[in-house]
Amino acid sequence: MKNKANKAKKESFKDILNFISEAGMLKQVKRSGWSVLGIKNAETVAEHSFRCAVIGYTLACMEKVLPYKVLLMTLFNDLHEARITDLHKMAQRYIDAEAVEKKAFYEQVNSLPNGINRELIDLNKEYRKQKTKQSIIARDADILECLIQAKEYYGQGFLQAAKFMKKAPRFLKTKSAQKLWHLAKETDLNQWWFNLSEFKR
């Protein structure tokens, strides 16, 4: 009996380790939408997800919402891309992207212990429905991160990135995200490091 329990525990740890290893694939998967601009060394999904979580936490605090769910939604929102890569909007015209993403995600978390997989599946469903304040903030974080990245690429000389900045702002729902984008649009995003690196006498 004890051996069975130990074996089950070992298998559970192995499943968790596999899950963690798979998440690391996101450090290799490029965000495909930027390829149409000719950006060869575009950000990875992991880089996008990290700043999404930073933005999500900040927006949750600004909107006076507990950030726990928002953080999890932003961190795990693109996990399925470790298996199916990042499908840009053109590719999504030809497949049922939502069904494919859900299938990949559910398979990824299925072997995790019940407490973990249940929470991640519930949060994934909540995010997709876009009915709760937390899910709306998490979506805003995703959009805002993409907008800021587009502005950064525009500043690096990829002028077509301006097209990404035209449609997306209308989908921002929270006042905090809307105000941050309005400010980002009018701001030199390099100013923070320029101020820190000024020569002193």
N, C-alpha and C. Protein backbone atom coordinates (compact mmCIF):
# COMPACT_ATOMS: atom_id res chain seq x y z
N MET A 1 0.84 -1.21 0.00
CA MET A 1 0.00 0.00 0.00
C MET A 1 0.87 1.26 0.00
N LYS A 2 1.92 1.21 0.86
CA LYS A 2 2.82 2.36 0.96
C LYS A 2 3.59 2.56 -0.34
N ASN A 3 4.00 1.43 -0.97
CA ASN A 3 4.71 1.49 -2.25
C ASN A 3 3.85 2.11 -3.35
N LYS A 4 2.53 1.76 -3.34
CA LYS A 4 1.61 2.32 -4.32
C LYS A 4 1.49 3.84 -4.16
N ALA A 5 1.40 4.26 -2.91
CA ALA A 5 1.28 5.70 -2.62
C ALA A 5 2.54 6.44 -3.04
N ASN A 6 3.70 5.83 -2.77
CA ASN A 6 4.97 6.45 -3.16
C ASN A 6 5.10 6.54 -4.67
N LYS A 7 4.65 5.49 -5.36
CA LYS A 7 4.71 5.48 -6.83
C LYS A 7 3.81 6.56 -7.42
N ALA A 8 2.60 6.68 -6.84
CA ALA A 8 1.64 7.69 -7.31
C ALA A 8 2.19 9.09 -7.09
N LYS A 9 2.83 9.28 -5.93
CA LYS A 9 3.42 10.59 -5.60
C LYS A 9 4.55 10.93 -6.57
N LYS A 10 5.38 9.92 -6.88
CA LYS A 10 6.49 10.11 -7.80
C LYS A 10 5.99 10.48 -9.19
N GLU A 11 4.92 9.80 -9.63
CA GLU A 11 4.33 10.08 -10.94
C GLU A 11 3.74 11.49 -10.97
N SER A 12 3.13 11.89 -9.85
CA SER A 12 2.56 13.24 -9.75
C SER A 12 3.65 14.30 -9.89
N PHE A 13 4.79 14.08 -9.21
CA PHE A 13 5.91 15.00 -9.31
C PHE A 13 6.46 15.04 -10.73
N LYS A 14 6.47 13.89 -11.39
CA LYS A 14 6.96 13.81 -12.76
C LYS A 14 6.05 14.61 -13.70
N ASP A 15 4.75 14.49 -13.49
CA ASP A 15 3.78 15.25 -14.29
C ASP A 15 3.98 16.75 -14.11
N ILE A 16 4.21 17.16 -12.87
CA ILE A 16 4.42 18.58 -12.59
C ILE A 16 5.71 19.06 -13.25
N LEU A 17 6.76 18.24 -13.17
CA LEU A 17 8.03 18.61 -13.79
C LEU A 17 7.88 18.71 -15.31
N ASN A 18 7.15 17.79 -15.91
CA ASN A 18 6.89 17.86 -17.36
C ASN A 18 6.15 19.14 -17.72
N PHE A 19 5.19 19.50 -16.88
CA PHE A 19 4.40 20.72 -17.10
C PHE A 19 5.31 21.96 -17.06
N ILE A 20 6.18 22.00 -16.07
CA ILE A 20 7.12 23.11 -15.93
C ILE A 20 8.08 23.16 -17.12
N SER A 21 8.56 22.00 -17.54
CA SER A 21 9.47 21.93 -18.69
C SER A 21 8.78 22.41 -19.96
N GLU A 22 7.52 21.99 -20.12
CA GLU A 22 6.77 22.43 -21.31
C GLU A 22 6.56 23.93 -21.31
N ALA A 23 6.28 24.51 -20.16
CA ALA A 23 6.11 25.96 -20.08
C ALA A 23 7.36 26.69 -20.56
N GLY A 24 8.51 26.06 -20.35
CA GLY A 24 9.76 26.64 -20.81
C GLY A 24 9.85 26.77 -22.33
N MET A 25 9.05 25.99 -23.06
CA MET A 25 9.01 26.09 -24.52
C MET A 25 8.59 27.48 -24.98
N LEU A 26 7.81 28.16 -24.13
CA LEU A 26 7.34 29.48 -24.50
C LEU A 26 8.48 30.49 -24.64
N LYS A 27 9.64 30.14 -24.09
CA LYS A 27 10.82 31.00 -24.26
C LYS A 27 11.39 30.88 -25.67
N GLN A 28 10.96 29.84 -26.39
CA GLN A 28 11.45 29.61 -27.76
C GLN A 28 10.44 30.04 -28.82
N VAL A 29 9.15 30.09 -28.46
CA VAL A 29 8.10 30.38 -29.44
C VAL A 29 7.98 31.88 -29.66
N LYS A 30 8.15 32.31 -30.90
CA LYS A 30 8.06 33.73 -31.24
C LYS A 30 6.60 34.14 -31.42
N ARG A 31 6.30 35.37 -31.10
CA ARG A 31 4.99 35.95 -31.37
C ARG A 31 4.90 36.19 -32.87
N SER A 32 4.04 35.44 -33.53
CA SER A 32 4.07 35.38 -35.00
C SER A 32 3.54 36.63 -35.70
N GLY A 33 2.67 37.38 -35.03
CA GLY A 33 2.08 38.55 -35.67
C GLY A 33 3.11 39.58 -36.13
N TRP A 34 4.23 39.66 -35.42
CA TRP A 34 5.25 40.64 -35.77
C TRP A 34 6.03 40.25 -37.02
N SER A 35 5.91 38.99 -37.44
CA SER A 35 6.67 38.55 -38.63
C SER A 35 6.20 39.28 -39.89
N VAL A 36 4.94 39.69 -39.93
CA VAL A 36 4.44 40.40 -41.12
C VAL A 36 5.09 41.77 -41.27
N LEU A 37 5.69 42.26 -40.19
CA LEU A 37 6.41 43.54 -40.25
C LEU A 37 7.87 43.36 -40.63
N GLY A 38 8.28 42.09 -40.79
CA GLY A 38 9.67 41.82 -41.12
C GLY A 38 10.59 41.80 -39.92
N ILE A 39 9.99 41.66 -38.71
CA ILE A 39 10.80 41.62 -37.49
C ILE A 39 11.29 40.19 -37.30
N LYS A 40 12.58 39.99 -37.50
CA LYS A 40 13.15 38.65 -37.46
C LYS A 40 13.40 38.15 -36.03
N ASN A 41 13.72 39.05 -35.14
CA ASN A 41 14.00 38.65 -33.76
C ASN A 41 12.90 39.18 -32.83
N ALA A 42 11.67 38.79 -33.14
CA ALA A 42 10.52 39.29 -32.38
C ALA A 42 10.50 38.70 -30.98
N GLU A 43 9.71 39.33 -30.12
CA GLU A 43 9.56 38.84 -28.74
C GLU A 43 9.02 37.41 -28.73
N THR A 44 9.32 36.70 -27.67
CA THR A 44 8.77 35.36 -27.49
C THR A 44 7.45 35.45 -26.72
N VAL A 45 6.72 34.35 -26.72
CA VAL A 45 5.47 34.28 -25.97
C VAL A 45 5.75 34.47 -24.47
N ALA A 46 6.85 33.90 -23.99
CA ALA A 46 7.20 34.02 -22.56
C ALA A 46 7.46 35.49 -22.20
N GLU A 47 8.13 36.20 -23.08
CA GLU A 47 8.41 37.63 -22.82
C GLU A 47 7.10 38.42 -22.78
N HIS A 48 6.22 38.12 -23.70
CA HIS A 48 4.91 38.77 -23.73
C HIS A 48 4.12 38.46 -22.45
N SER A 49 4.11 37.19 -22.05
CA SER A 49 3.34 36.77 -20.88
C SER A 49 3.87 37.42 -19.60
N PHE A 50 5.20 37.56 -19.52
CA PHE A 50 5.77 38.18 -18.33
C PHE A 50 5.28 39.62 -18.18
N ARG A 51 5.37 40.40 -19.26
CA ARG A 51 4.95 41.80 -19.11
C ARG A 51 3.43 41.90 -18.99
N CYS A 52 2.70 40.96 -19.57
CA CYS A 52 1.24 40.91 -19.35
C CYS A 52 0.92 40.79 -17.87
N ALA A 53 1.67 39.92 -17.19
CA ALA A 53 1.43 39.71 -15.75
C ALA A 53 1.76 40.98 -14.97
N VAL A 54 2.84 41.66 -15.35
CA VAL A 54 3.20 42.92 -14.68
C VAL A 54 2.09 43.95 -14.89
N ILE A 55 1.62 44.06 -16.12
CA ILE A 55 0.55 45.02 -16.43
C ILE A 55 -0.74 44.60 -15.73
N GLY A 56 -1.05 43.30 -15.76
CA GLY A 56 -2.27 42.81 -15.14
C GLY A 56 -2.31 43.11 -13.65
N TYR A 57 -1.20 42.87 -12.97
CA TYR A 57 -1.13 43.17 -11.54
C TYR A 57 -1.37 44.66 -11.30
N THR A 58 -0.71 45.49 -12.09
CA THR A 58 -0.82 46.94 -11.93
C THR A 58 -2.24 47.42 -12.20
N LEU A 59 -2.85 46.92 -13.28
CA LEU A 59 -4.22 47.32 -13.60
C LEU A 59 -5.20 46.88 -12.51
N ALA A 60 -5.00 45.67 -11.98
CA ALA A 60 -5.88 45.17 -10.92
C ALA A 60 -5.83 46.10 -9.70
N CYS A 61 -4.63 46.51 -9.34
CA CYS A 61 -4.48 47.44 -8.20
C CYS A 61 -5.13 48.78 -8.51
N MET A 62 -4.94 49.28 -9.73
CA MET A 62 -5.54 50.56 -10.12
C MET A 62 -7.06 50.50 -10.13
N GLU A 63 -7.59 49.32 -10.52
CA GLU A 63 -9.04 49.14 -10.59
C GLU A 63 -9.63 48.62 -9.28
N LYS A 64 -8.76 48.53 -8.26
CA LYS A 64 -9.17 48.09 -6.92
C LYS A 64 -9.81 46.68 -6.94
N VAL A 65 -9.10 45.78 -7.61
CA VAL A 65 -9.51 44.38 -7.68
C VAL A 65 -8.36 43.53 -7.16
N LEU A 66 -8.67 42.48 -6.40
CA LEU A 66 -7.61 41.58 -5.93
C LEU A 66 -6.89 40.99 -7.14
N PRO A 67 -5.56 41.05 -7.17
CA PRO A 67 -4.83 40.69 -8.40
C PRO A 67 -4.56 39.21 -8.62
N TYR A 68 -4.86 38.35 -7.66
CA TYR A 68 -4.47 36.94 -7.77
C TYR A 68 -4.95 36.29 -9.06
N LYS A 69 -6.25 36.37 -9.32
CA LYS A 69 -6.81 35.74 -10.52
C LYS A 69 -6.25 36.38 -11.79
N VAL A 70 -6.10 37.69 -11.76
CA VAL A 70 -5.59 38.41 -12.94
C VAL A 70 -4.18 37.92 -13.27
N LEU A 71 -3.36 37.78 -12.24
CA LEU A 71 -1.99 37.30 -12.44
C LEU A 71 -1.98 35.91 -13.07
N LEU A 72 -2.80 35.00 -12.55
CA LEU A 72 -2.84 33.65 -13.09
C LEU A 72 -3.36 33.65 -14.53
N MET A 73 -4.38 34.43 -14.80
CA MET A 73 -4.92 34.49 -16.17
C MET A 73 -3.87 34.99 -17.15
N THR A 74 -3.16 36.03 -16.78
CA THR A 74 -2.16 36.60 -17.70
C THR A 74 -0.97 35.65 -17.87
N LEU A 75 -0.57 34.98 -16.82
CA LEU A 75 0.57 34.07 -16.91
C LEU A 75 0.27 32.82 -17.72
N PHE A 76 -0.95 32.29 -17.60
CA PHE A 76 -1.29 31.01 -18.24
C PHE A 76 -2.11 31.17 -19.53
N ASN A 77 -2.45 32.39 -19.89
CA ASN A 77 -3.33 32.63 -21.03
C ASN A 77 -2.81 32.04 -22.34
N ASP A 78 -1.51 32.08 -22.55
CA ASP A 78 -0.94 31.61 -23.82
C ASP A 78 -0.17 30.30 -23.68
N LEU A 79 -0.41 29.56 -22.61
CA LEU A 79 0.32 28.32 -22.36
C LEU A 79 0.18 27.32 -23.51
N HIS A 80 -1.01 27.28 -24.10
CA HIS A 80 -1.28 26.34 -25.20
C HIS A 80 -0.32 26.54 -26.38
N GLU A 81 0.28 27.72 -26.48
CA GLU A 81 1.16 28.02 -27.61
C GLU A 81 2.48 27.24 -27.55
N ALA A 82 2.75 26.61 -26.42
CA ALA A 82 3.90 25.70 -26.33
C ALA A 82 3.68 24.50 -27.25
N ARG A 83 2.41 24.18 -27.54
CA ARG A 83 2.09 23.03 -28.39
C ARG A 83 1.67 23.43 -29.80
N ILE A 84 0.92 24.52 -29.94
CA ILE A 84 0.39 24.86 -31.26
C ILE A 84 1.02 26.13 -31.84
N THR A 85 2.00 26.68 -31.16
CA THR A 85 2.68 27.94 -31.51
C THR A 85 1.69 29.10 -31.44
N ASP A 86 2.18 30.28 -31.75
CA ASP A 86 1.35 31.49 -31.75
C ASP A 86 0.76 31.64 -33.15
N LEU A 87 -0.55 31.57 -33.25
CA LEU A 87 -1.23 31.69 -34.55
C LEU A 87 -1.70 33.12 -34.76
N HIS A 88 -1.12 33.81 -35.74
CA HIS A 88 -1.54 35.20 -35.97
C HIS A 88 -2.93 35.24 -36.60
N LYS A 89 -3.48 36.43 -36.71
CA LYS A 89 -4.88 36.59 -37.12
C LYS A 89 -5.16 36.01 -38.50
N MET A 90 -4.21 36.08 -39.42
CA MET A 90 -4.44 35.52 -40.75
C MET A 90 -4.64 34.01 -40.66
N ALA A 91 -3.79 33.34 -39.87
CA ALA A 91 -3.91 31.88 -39.71
C ALA A 91 -5.24 31.51 -39.07
N GLN A 92 -5.71 32.36 -38.14
CA GLN A 92 -6.94 32.07 -37.41
C GLN A 92 -8.19 32.17 -38.29
N ARG A 93 -8.04 32.73 -39.48
CA ARG A 93 -9.17 32.78 -40.42
C ARG A 93 -9.55 31.39 -40.92
N TYR A 94 -8.60 30.45 -40.87
CA TYR A 94 -8.78 29.16 -41.52
C TYR A 94 -8.96 27.98 -40.57
N ILE A 95 -8.90 28.25 -39.28
CA ILE A 95 -9.10 27.18 -38.30
C ILE A 95 -9.97 27.69 -37.16
N ASP A 96 -10.53 26.76 -36.42
CA ASP A 96 -11.28 27.13 -35.22
C ASP A 96 -10.27 27.29 -34.09
N ALA A 97 -9.69 28.49 -34.02
CA ALA A 97 -8.58 28.74 -33.09
C ALA A 97 -8.99 28.47 -31.64
N GLU A 98 -10.18 28.89 -31.26
CA GLU A 98 -10.61 28.72 -29.86
C GLU A 98 -10.67 27.24 -29.48
N ALA A 99 -11.21 26.42 -30.37
CA ALA A 99 -11.32 24.99 -30.08
C ALA A 99 -9.95 24.34 -29.98
N VAL A 100 -9.04 24.72 -30.87
CA VAL A 100 -7.69 24.15 -30.87
C VAL A 100 -6.94 24.58 -29.60
N GLU A 101 -7.08 25.84 -29.22
CA GLU A 101 -6.41 26.35 -28.02
C GLU A 101 -6.93 25.65 -26.77
N LYS A 102 -8.25 25.50 -26.67
CA LYS A 102 -8.84 24.83 -25.51
C LYS A 102 -8.38 23.38 -25.41
N LYS A 103 -8.37 22.69 -26.54
CA LYS A 103 -7.95 21.28 -26.54
C LYS A 103 -6.51 21.14 -26.05
N ALA A 104 -5.63 21.99 -26.59
CA ALA A 104 -4.21 21.93 -26.20
C ALA A 104 -4.05 22.25 -24.71
N PHE A 105 -4.73 23.30 -24.25
CA PHE A 105 -4.61 23.72 -22.85
C PHE A 105 -5.11 22.64 -21.90
N TYR A 106 -6.28 22.07 -22.19
CA TYR A 106 -6.85 21.06 -21.30
C TYR A 106 -5.96 19.82 -21.24
N GLU A 107 -5.36 19.45 -22.36
CA GLU A 107 -4.43 18.32 -22.36
C GLU A 107 -3.18 18.63 -21.54
N GLN A 108 -2.73 19.88 -21.63
CA GLN A 108 -1.54 20.28 -20.87
C GLN A 108 -1.74 20.16 -19.37
N VAL A 109 -2.90 20.58 -18.89
CA VAL A 109 -3.12 20.64 -17.44
C VAL A 109 -3.80 19.38 -16.90
N ASN A 110 -4.26 18.50 -17.78
CA ASN A 110 -5.04 17.33 -17.38
C ASN A 110 -4.31 16.42 -16.40
N SER A 111 -3.00 16.24 -16.59
CA SER A 111 -2.26 15.30 -15.74
C SER A 111 -1.78 15.91 -14.42
N LEU A 112 -2.04 17.19 -14.23
CA LEU A 112 -1.65 17.85 -12.97
C LEU A 112 -2.57 17.41 -11.84
N PRO A 113 -2.11 17.51 -10.58
CA PRO A 113 -2.98 17.19 -9.44
C PRO A 113 -4.29 17.98 -9.52
N ASN A 114 -5.36 17.36 -9.02
CA ASN A 114 -6.70 17.93 -9.17
C ASN A 114 -6.84 19.38 -8.72
N GLY A 115 -6.24 19.73 -7.61
CA GLY A 115 -6.36 21.10 -7.14
C GLY A 115 -5.80 22.11 -8.13
N ILE A 116 -4.70 21.74 -8.77
CA ILE A 116 -4.05 22.65 -9.71
C ILE A 116 -4.82 22.69 -11.03
N ASN A 117 -5.10 21.52 -11.61
CA ASN A 117 -5.74 21.53 -12.93
C ASN A 117 -7.14 22.12 -12.89
N ARG A 118 -7.87 21.88 -11.80
CA ARG A 118 -9.22 22.42 -11.69
C ARG A 118 -9.19 23.96 -11.68
N GLU A 119 -8.27 24.51 -10.90
CA GLU A 119 -8.18 25.97 -10.82
C GLU A 119 -7.81 26.58 -12.16
N LEU A 120 -6.83 25.98 -12.85
CA LEU A 120 -6.39 26.52 -14.13
C LEU A 120 -7.48 26.41 -15.19
N ILE A 121 -8.22 25.32 -15.20
CA ILE A 121 -9.32 25.16 -16.16
C ILE A 121 -10.43 26.17 -15.87
N ASP A 122 -10.78 26.33 -14.60
CA ASP A 122 -11.83 27.30 -14.22
C ASP A 122 -11.42 28.72 -14.61
N LEU A 123 -10.16 29.06 -14.38
CA LEU A 123 -9.69 30.40 -14.73
C LEU A 123 -9.67 30.60 -16.24
N ASN A 124 -9.31 29.55 -16.97
CA ASN A 124 -9.30 29.64 -18.43
C ASN A 124 -10.71 29.88 -18.97
N LYS A 125 -11.68 29.18 -18.39
CA LYS A 125 -13.09 29.37 -18.79
C LYS A 125 -13.57 30.79 -18.46
N GLU A 126 -13.20 31.24 -17.27
CA GLU A 126 -13.60 32.58 -16.85
C GLU A 126 -13.00 33.65 -17.77
N TYR A 127 -11.75 33.47 -18.14
CA TYR A 127 -11.09 34.43 -19.04
C TYR A 127 -11.80 34.47 -20.39
N ARG A 128 -12.12 33.31 -20.93
CA ARG A 128 -12.74 33.24 -22.26
C ARG A 128 -14.14 33.85 -22.27
N LYS A 129 -14.88 33.73 -21.17
CA LYS A 129 -16.24 34.28 -21.12
C LYS A 129 -16.25 35.80 -21.01
N GLN A 130 -15.21 36.38 -20.42
CA GLN A 130 -15.10 37.85 -20.29
C GLN A 130 -16.31 38.48 -19.59
N LYS A 131 -16.72 37.86 -18.49
CA LYS A 131 -17.87 38.37 -17.74
C LYS A 131 -17.46 39.02 -16.42
N THR A 132 -16.33 38.60 -15.86
CA THR A 132 -15.91 39.12 -14.56
C THR A 132 -14.91 40.26 -14.72
N LYS A 133 -14.81 41.07 -13.69
CA LYS A 133 -13.87 42.19 -13.71
C LYS A 133 -12.44 41.70 -13.89
N GLN A 134 -12.09 40.59 -13.22
CA GLN A 134 -10.73 40.06 -13.31
C GLN A 134 -10.39 39.62 -14.74
N SER A 135 -11.34 38.97 -15.40
CA SER A 135 -11.09 38.50 -16.77
C SER A 135 -10.96 39.67 -17.73
N ILE A 136 -11.74 40.71 -17.51
CA ILE A 136 -11.67 41.91 -18.37
C ILE A 136 -10.34 42.61 -18.19
N ILE A 137 -9.87 42.70 -16.94
CA ILE A 137 -8.57 43.32 -16.66
C ILE A 137 -7.45 42.50 -17.30
N ALA A 138 -7.53 41.18 -17.19
CA ALA A 138 -6.50 40.31 -17.78
C ALA A 138 -6.46 40.49 -19.30
N ARG A 139 -7.61 40.60 -19.92
CA ARG A 139 -7.67 40.83 -21.37
C ARG A 139 -7.10 42.20 -21.72
N ASP A 140 -7.44 43.20 -20.93
CA ASP A 140 -6.88 44.54 -21.15
C ASP A 140 -5.35 44.53 -21.05
N ALA A 141 -4.85 43.75 -20.10
CA ALA A 141 -3.39 43.64 -19.93
C ALA A 141 -2.75 43.06 -21.19
N ASP A 142 -3.39 42.06 -21.76
CA ASP A 142 -2.91 41.43 -22.99
C ASP A 142 -2.88 42.43 -24.14
N ILE A 143 -3.96 43.18 -24.29
CA ILE A 143 -4.06 44.16 -25.37
C ILE A 143 -3.05 45.29 -25.16
N LEU A 144 -2.98 45.79 -23.93
CA LEU A 144 -2.09 46.91 -23.63
C LEU A 144 -0.63 46.53 -23.84
N GLU A 145 -0.27 45.28 -23.46
CA GLU A 145 1.11 44.84 -23.67
C GLU A 145 1.44 44.83 -25.16
N CYS A 146 0.50 44.37 -25.96
CA CYS A 146 0.69 44.32 -27.42
C CYS A 146 0.83 45.74 -27.99
N LEU A 147 0.02 46.65 -27.49
CA LEU A 147 0.09 48.04 -27.95
C LEU A 147 1.43 48.69 -27.61
N ILE A 148 1.87 48.48 -26.39
CA ILE A 148 3.16 49.06 -25.97
C ILE A 148 4.30 48.45 -26.77
N GLN A 149 4.22 47.13 -27.02
CA GLN A 149 5.25 46.48 -27.83
C GLN A 149 5.26 47.03 -29.25
N ALA A 150 4.07 47.26 -29.80
CA ALA A 150 3.97 47.84 -31.14
C ALA A 150 4.62 49.22 -31.18
N LYS A 151 4.37 50.01 -30.14
CA LYS A 151 4.98 51.35 -30.10
C LYS A 151 6.50 51.25 -30.01
N GLU A 152 6.98 50.29 -29.24
CA GLU A 152 8.43 50.09 -29.13
C GLU A 152 9.04 49.69 -30.47
N TYR A 153 8.37 48.77 -31.18
CA TYR A 153 8.86 48.38 -32.50
C TYR A 153 8.80 49.55 -33.48
N TYR A 154 7.75 50.35 -33.38
CA TYR A 154 7.63 51.54 -34.23
C TYR A 154 8.82 52.47 -34.00
N GLY A 155 9.18 52.64 -32.73
CA GLY A 155 10.32 53.48 -32.38
C GLY A 155 11.65 52.93 -32.86
N GLN A 156 11.69 51.61 -33.12
CA GLN A 156 12.90 50.96 -33.63
C GLN A 156 12.96 50.97 -35.15
N GLY A 157 11.98 51.63 -35.77
CA GLY A 157 12.00 51.77 -37.22
C GLY A 157 11.05 50.89 -37.99
N PHE A 158 10.26 50.07 -37.30
CA PHE A 158 9.27 49.23 -37.99
C PHE A 158 7.96 50.03 -38.07
N LEU A 159 7.89 50.89 -39.07
CA LEU A 159 6.81 51.87 -39.15
C LEU A 159 5.43 51.25 -39.35
N GLN A 160 5.38 50.04 -39.94
CA GLN A 160 4.09 49.38 -40.13
C GLN A 160 3.44 48.98 -38.80
N ALA A 161 4.23 49.01 -37.74
CA ALA A 161 3.67 48.68 -36.42
C ALA A 161 2.58 49.66 -36.02
N ALA A 162 2.55 50.83 -36.67
CA ALA A 162 1.50 51.82 -36.39
C ALA A 162 0.12 51.24 -36.65
N LYS A 163 0.03 50.29 -37.59
CA LYS A 163 -1.26 49.67 -37.91
C LYS A 163 -1.80 48.88 -36.72
N PHE A 164 -0.90 48.30 -35.93
CA PHE A 164 -1.32 47.55 -34.75
C PHE A 164 -1.91 48.50 -33.70
N MET A 165 -1.51 49.76 -33.78
CA MET A 165 -1.94 50.72 -32.75
C MET A 165 -3.24 51.42 -33.09
N LYS A 166 -3.83 51.13 -34.24
CA LYS A 166 -5.05 51.83 -34.66
C LYS A 166 -6.32 51.15 -34.17
N LYS A 167 -6.40 49.84 -34.35
CA LYS A 167 -7.64 49.12 -34.00
C LYS A 167 -7.71 48.71 -32.54
N ALA A 168 -6.60 48.21 -32.01
CA ALA A 168 -6.60 47.59 -30.68
C ALA A 168 -7.10 48.49 -29.55
N PRO A 169 -6.76 49.81 -29.53
CA PRO A 169 -7.19 50.62 -28.38
C PRO A 169 -8.69 50.63 -28.12
N ARG A 170 -9.49 50.44 -29.15
CA ARG A 170 -10.95 50.48 -28.95
C ARG A 170 -11.46 49.28 -28.16
N PHE A 171 -10.62 48.24 -28.03
CA PHE A 171 -11.03 47.04 -27.28
C PHE A 171 -10.66 47.12 -25.80
N LEU A 172 -9.92 48.14 -25.40
CA LEU A 172 -9.60 48.32 -23.97
C LEU A 172 -10.86 48.73 -23.23
N LYS A 173 -11.18 48.05 -22.15
CA LYS A 173 -12.45 48.29 -21.46
C LYS A 173 -12.31 49.05 -20.14
N THR A 174 -11.18 48.87 -19.45
CA THR A 174 -11.04 49.55 -18.15
C THR A 174 -10.49 50.96 -18.35
N LYS A 175 -10.92 51.85 -17.48
CA LYS A 175 -10.44 53.24 -17.57
C LYS A 175 -8.94 53.31 -17.35
N SER A 176 -8.43 52.47 -16.46
CA SER A 176 -6.99 52.49 -16.16
C SER A 176 -6.18 52.12 -17.40
N ALA A 177 -6.59 51.08 -18.11
CA ALA A 177 -5.88 50.66 -19.33
C ALA A 177 -5.98 51.73 -20.40
N GLN A 178 -7.15 52.33 -20.54
CA GLN A 178 -7.34 53.38 -21.54
C GLN A 178 -6.44 54.58 -21.25
N LYS A 179 -6.36 54.97 -19.99
CA LYS A 179 -5.52 56.12 -19.61
C LYS A 179 -4.04 55.82 -19.80
N LEU A 180 -3.63 54.59 -19.44
CA LEU A 180 -2.22 54.21 -19.62
C LEU A 180 -1.84 54.21 -21.09
N TRP A 181 -2.74 53.71 -21.94
CA TRP A 181 -2.42 53.72 -23.38
C TRP A 181 -2.37 55.14 -23.93
N HIS A 182 -3.30 55.98 -23.51
CA HIS A 182 -3.29 57.38 -23.95
C HIS A 182 -1.96 58.04 -23.59
N LEU A 183 -1.49 57.77 -22.38
CA LEU A 183 -0.21 58.32 -21.93
C LEU A 183 0.95 57.71 -22.72
N ALA A 184 0.93 56.38 -22.90
CA ALA A 184 2.01 55.70 -23.63
C ALA A 184 2.12 56.21 -25.06
N LYS A 185 0.97 56.46 -25.67
CA LYS A 185 0.92 56.92 -27.06
C LYS A 185 1.64 58.26 -27.23
N GLU A 186 1.54 59.09 -26.20
CA GLU A 186 2.12 60.45 -26.28
C GLU A 186 3.51 60.54 -25.65
N THR A 187 4.03 59.43 -25.15
CA THR A 187 5.26 59.45 -24.37
C THR A 187 6.41 58.77 -25.10
N ASP A 188 7.63 59.27 -24.90
CA ASP A 188 8.83 58.58 -25.36
C ASP A 188 9.09 57.46 -24.36
N LEU A 189 8.90 56.22 -24.78
CA LEU A 189 9.03 55.09 -23.86
C LEU A 189 10.46 54.79 -23.46
N ASN A 190 11.41 55.49 -24.07
CA ASN A 190 12.82 55.33 -23.68
C ASN A 190 13.24 56.33 -22.60
N GLN A 191 12.33 57.23 -22.25
CA GLN A 191 12.70 58.31 -21.34
C GLN A 191 13.15 57.80 -19.97
N TRP A 192 12.56 56.69 -19.50
CA TRP A 192 12.89 56.18 -18.17
C TRP A 192 14.37 55.84 -18.05
N TRP A 193 14.93 55.18 -19.09
CA TRP A 193 16.36 54.81 -18.99
C TRP A 193 17.26 55.96 -19.39
N PHE A 194 16.76 56.85 -20.26
CA PHE A 194 17.57 58.01 -20.66
C PHE A 194 17.84 58.91 -19.45
N ASN A 195 16.82 59.07 -18.62
CA ASN A 195 16.97 59.90 -17.41
C ASN A 195 17.99 59.29 -16.44
N LEU A 196 18.02 57.96 -16.38
CA LEU A 196 18.94 57.28 -15.45
C LEU A 196 20.39 57.29 -15.95
N SER A 197 20.57 57.49 -17.24
CA SER A 197 21.92 57.38 -17.82
C SER A 197 22.53 58.72 -18.22
N GLU A 198 21.93 59.81 -17.76
CA GLU A 198 22.47 61.13 -18.10
C GLU A 198 23.84 61.33 -17.44
N PHE A 199 24.72 62.00 -18.16
CA PHE A 199 26.04 62.31 -17.60
C PHE A 199 25.90 63.34 -16.49
N LYS A 200 26.71 63.14 -15.45
CA LYS A 200 26.72 64.09 -14.34
C LYS A 200 28.10 64.74 -14.26
N ARG A 201 28.15 65.96 -13.82
CA ARG A 201 29.43 66.67 -13.67
C ARG A 201 30.21 66.10 -12.51
